[in-house]
Amino acid sequence: QVQLVESGGGLVQPGGSLRLSCAASGTIFSIYAMAWYRQPPGKQRELVAVATSSGSTNYADSVKGRFTISRDNAKNTVYLQMNSLKPEDTAVYYCNADIRTWGGRSDYWGQGTQVTVSS
């Protein structure tokens, strides 16, 4: 059984910073891409950033230059450093990972962490 556990959300003022973490645990053979998605209130879930196992990264246009995704492969952990936060960044942020276990390769999701940007 694989679990993704997120942490680091909270309330921050506009212009502030937060760092999200997501740790994968369980019987894991390989982790391929790891990503962050978000779902603003009343809107659909959207991709924020993705980091492949080879180290390449990609970002949504709305967060380029402000957010940074990184991985610690030894800890099966992905991070999202969020700077210069704006009210429109308010959302539930979800971790996603493409993981191979003894049962095969599947997509896994974290439980979500709330990020609120407000003065």
C-alpha atoms as a PDB file:
ATOM      1  CA  GLN A   1       0.000   0.000   0.000  1.00  0.00           C
ATOM      2  CA  VAL A   2       1.420   3.364  -1.056  1.00  0.00           C
ATOM      3  CA  GLN A   3       0.586   6.600   0.712  1.00  0.00           C
ATOM      4  CA  LEU A   4       1.373  10.188  -0.200  1.00  0.00           C
ATOM      5  CA  VAL A   5       1.324  12.519   2.791  1.00  0.00           C
ATOM      6  CA  GLU A   6       1.389  16.270   2.229  1.00  0.00           C
ATOM      7  CA  SER A   7       2.281  19.017   4.668  1.00  0.00           C
ATOM      8  CA  GLY A   8       3.067  22.717   4.713  1.00  0.00           C
ATOM      9  CA  GLY A   9      -0.182  24.393   3.739  1.00  0.00           C
ATOM     10  CA  GLY A  10      -1.704  27.281   5.630  1.00  0.00           C
ATOM     11  CA  LEU A  11      -2.694  30.920   5.589  1.00  0.00           C
ATOM     12  CA  VAL A  12      -0.249  33.466   4.186  1.00  0.00           C
ATOM     13  CA  GLN A  13      -0.441  37.118   3.194  1.00  0.00           C
ATOM     14  CA  PRO A  14      -0.061  38.205  -0.430  1.00  0.00           C
ATOM     15  CA  GLY A  15       3.607  38.349  -1.343  1.00  0.00           C
ATOM     16  CA  GLY A  16       4.483  35.703   1.208  1.00  0.00           C
ATOM     17  CA  SER A  17       5.978  32.246   0.828  1.00  0.00           C
ATOM     18  CA  LEU A  18       5.091  28.672   1.702  1.00  0.00           C
ATOM     19  CA  ARG A  19       6.815  25.348   1.166  1.00  0.00           C
ATOM     20  CA  LEU A  20       4.773  22.223   0.578  1.00  0.00           C
ATOM     21  CA  SER A  21       6.160  18.729   1.109  1.00  0.00           C
ATOM     22  CA  CYS A  22       4.863  15.360  -0.029  1.00  0.00           C
ATOM     23  CA  ALA A  23       6.407  12.098   1.132  1.00  0.00           C
ATOM     24  CA  ALA A  24       5.642   8.747  -0.475  1.00  0.00           C
ATOM     25  CA  SER A  25       5.741   5.642   1.697  1.00  0.00           C
ATOM     26  CA  GLY A  26       5.102   1.950   1.243  1.00  0.00           C
ATOM     27  CA  THR A  27       6.667  -0.812  -0.816  1.00  0.00           C
ATOM     28  CA  ILE A  28       7.955   1.310  -3.680  1.00  0.00           C
ATOM     29  CA  PHE A  29      10.122  -0.011  -6.497  1.00  0.00           C
ATOM     30  CA  SER A  30      10.380   3.175  -8.574  1.00  0.00           C
ATOM     31  CA  ILE A  31       8.928   6.665  -8.652  1.00  0.00           C
ATOM     32  CA  TYR A  32       8.631   8.260 -12.061  1.00  0.00           C
ATOM     33  CA  ALA A  33       7.082  11.727 -12.359  1.00  0.00           C
ATOM     34  CA  MET A  34       6.005  13.598  -9.232  1.00  0.00           C
ATOM     35  CA  ALA A  35       3.719  16.569  -9.537  1.00  0.00           C
ATOM     36  CA  TRP A  36       1.638  19.164  -7.750  1.00  0.00           C
ATOM     37  CA  TYR A  37      -1.916  19.978  -8.760  1.00  0.00           C
ATOM     38  CA  ARG A  38      -4.324  22.474  -7.264  1.00  0.00           C
ATOM     39  CA  GLN A  39      -8.060  22.978  -7.175  1.00  0.00           C
ATOM     40  CA  PRO A  40      -9.258  26.538  -6.524  1.00  0.00           C
ATOM     41  CA  PRO A  41     -12.722  26.989  -4.991  1.00  0.00           C
ATOM     42  CA  GLY A  42     -15.421  26.203  -7.553  1.00  0.00           C
ATOM     43  CA  LYS A  43     -12.912  25.311 -10.261  1.00  0.00           C
ATOM     44  CA  GLN A  44     -11.381  22.194 -11.767  1.00  0.00           C
ATOM     45  CA  ARG A  45      -8.132  20.665 -10.649  1.00  0.00           C
ATOM     46  CA  GLU A  46      -5.135  21.947 -12.624  1.00  0.00           C
ATOM     47  CA  LEU A  47      -1.496  20.992 -12.990  1.00  0.00           C
ATOM     48  CA  VAL A  48       0.901  23.347 -11.195  1.00  0.00           C
ATOM     49  CA  ALA A  49       4.303  21.727 -11.657  1.00  0.00           C
ATOM     50  CA  VAL A  50       5.863  18.386 -12.509  1.00  0.00           C
ATOM     51  CA  ALA A  51       9.316  16.905 -11.932  1.00  0.00           C
ATOM     52  CA  THR A  52      10.453  13.775 -13.744  1.00  0.00           C
ATOM     53  CA  SER A  53      12.789  11.150 -12.351  1.00  0.00           C
ATOM     54  CA  SER A  54      15.527  12.451 -14.663  1.00  0.00           C
ATOM     55  CA  GLY A  55      15.298  15.914 -13.130  1.00  0.00           C
ATOM     56  CA  SER A  56      13.421  17.882 -15.746  1.00  0.00           C
ATOM     57  CA  THR A  57      10.660  20.205 -14.587  1.00  0.00           C
ATOM     58  CA  ASN A  58       7.688  21.960 -16.093  1.00  0.00           C
ATOM     59  CA  TYR A  59       5.353  24.630 -14.744  1.00  0.00           C
ATOM     60  CA  ALA A  60       1.977  26.147 -15.404  1.00  0.00           C
ATOM     61  CA  ASP A  61       2.356  29.595 -16.946  1.00  0.00           C
ATOM     62  CA  SER A  62       0.579  31.143 -13.965  1.00  0.00           C
ATOM     63  CA  VAL A  63       3.317  30.078 -11.527  1.00  0.00           C
ATOM     64  CA  LYS A  64       6.480  30.299 -13.633  1.00  0.00           C
ATOM     65  CA  GLY A  65       9.148  32.349 -11.910  1.00  0.00           C
ATOM     66  CA  ARG A  66       7.361  32.140  -8.543  1.00  0.00           C
ATOM     67  CA  PHE A  67       7.120  28.421  -7.740  1.00  0.00           C
ATOM     68  CA  THR A  68       9.886  25.825  -7.725  1.00  0.00           C
ATOM     69  CA  ILE A  69       9.379  22.062  -7.658  1.00  0.00           C
ATOM     70  CA  SER A  70      12.160  19.827  -6.395  1.00  0.00           C
ATOM     71  CA  ARG A  71      12.664  16.210  -5.383  1.00  0.00           C
ATOM     72  CA  ASP A  72      14.684  14.287  -2.846  1.00  0.00           C
ATOM     73  CA  ASN A  73      14.710  10.841  -4.418  1.00  0.00           C
ATOM     74  CA  ALA A  74      16.451   9.277  -1.426  1.00  0.00           C
ATOM     75  CA  LYS A  75      13.485  10.319   0.724  1.00  0.00           C
ATOM     76  CA  ASN A  76      10.786   9.727  -1.928  1.00  0.00           C
ATOM     77  CA  THR A  77       9.738  13.318  -1.331  1.00  0.00           C
ATOM     78  CA  VAL A  78       8.695  16.179  -3.573  1.00  0.00           C
ATOM     79  CA  TYR A  79       8.582  19.828  -2.557  1.00  0.00           C
ATOM     80  CA  LEU A  80       6.897  22.934  -3.885  1.00  0.00           C
ATOM     81  CA  GLN A  81       8.461  26.233  -2.891  1.00  0.00           C
ATOM     82  CA  MET A  82       5.905  28.968  -3.466  1.00  0.00           C
ATOM     83  CA  ASN A  83       7.069  32.595  -3.427  1.00  0.00           C
ATOM     84  CA  SER A  84       5.327  35.888  -4.206  1.00  0.00           C
ATOM     85  CA  LEU A  85       1.990  34.281  -3.468  1.00  0.00           C
ATOM     86  CA  LYS A  86      -1.157  35.878  -4.827  1.00  0.00           C
ATOM     87  CA  PRO A  87      -4.792  35.549  -3.723  1.00  0.00           C
ATOM     88  CA  GLU A  88      -5.465  33.582  -6.917  1.00  0.00           C
ATOM     89  CA  ASP A  89      -3.077  30.899  -5.689  1.00  0.00           C
ATOM     90  CA  THR A  90      -5.643  30.009  -3.026  1.00  0.00           C
ATOM     91  CA  ALA A  91      -6.574  26.359  -3.541  1.00  0.00           C
ATOM     92  CA  VAL A  92      -6.308  22.852  -2.207  1.00  0.00           C
ATOM     93  CA  TYR A  93      -2.945  21.551  -3.375  1.00  0.00           C
ATOM     94  CA  TYR A  94      -2.571  17.860  -4.200  1.00  0.00           C
ATOM     95  CA  CYS A  95       0.537  15.765  -4.627  1.00  0.00           C
ATOM     96  CA  ASN A  96       0.573  13.198  -7.425  1.00  0.00           C
ATOM     97  CA  ALA A  97       3.108  10.485  -8.202  1.00  0.00           C
ATOM     98  CA  ASP A  98       3.546   7.804 -10.839  1.00  0.00           C
ATOM     99  CA  ILE A  99       4.830   4.822  -8.835  1.00  0.00           C
ATOM    100  CA  ARG A 100       5.767   1.233  -9.544  1.00  0.00           C
ATOM    101  CA  THR A 101       5.084  -1.271  -6.766  1.00  0.00           C
ATOM    102  CA  TRP A 102       4.929  -5.050  -6.698  1.00  0.00           C
ATOM    103  CA  GLY A 103       1.436  -4.739  -8.149  1.00  0.00           C
ATOM    104  CA  GLY A 104       2.479  -2.693 -11.147  1.00  0.00           C
ATOM    105  CA  ARG A 105       2.631   0.963 -12.114  1.00  0.00           C
ATOM    106  CA  SER A 106      -0.118   3.342 -10.933  1.00  0.00           C
ATOM    107  CA  ASP A 107      -0.983   6.946 -10.228  1.00  0.00           C
ATOM    108  CA  TYR A 108      -1.279   7.960  -6.575  1.00  0.00           C
ATOM    109  CA  TRP A 109      -2.726  11.070  -4.935  1.00  0.00           C
ATOM    110  CA  GLY A 110      -2.253  12.760  -1.594  1.00  0.00           C
ATOM    111  CA  GLN A 111      -5.134  13.909   0.561  1.00  0.00           C
ATOM    112  CA  GLY A 112      -4.633  17.593  -0.260  1.00  0.00           C
ATOM    113  CA  THR A 113      -3.465  20.564   1.765  1.00  0.00           C
ATOM    114  CA  GLN A 114      -5.193  23.941   1.885  1.00  0.00           C
ATOM    115  CA  VAL A 115      -3.279  27.056   0.866  1.00  0.00           C
ATOM    116  CA  THR A 116      -5.026  30.370   1.504  1.00  0.00           C
ATOM    117  CA  VAL A 117      -3.503  33.663   0.393  1.00  0.00           C
ATOM    118  CA  SER A 118      -5.286  36.560   2.028  1.00  0.00           C
ATOM    119  CA  SER A 119      -4.615  39.742   3.924  1.00  0.00           C
END
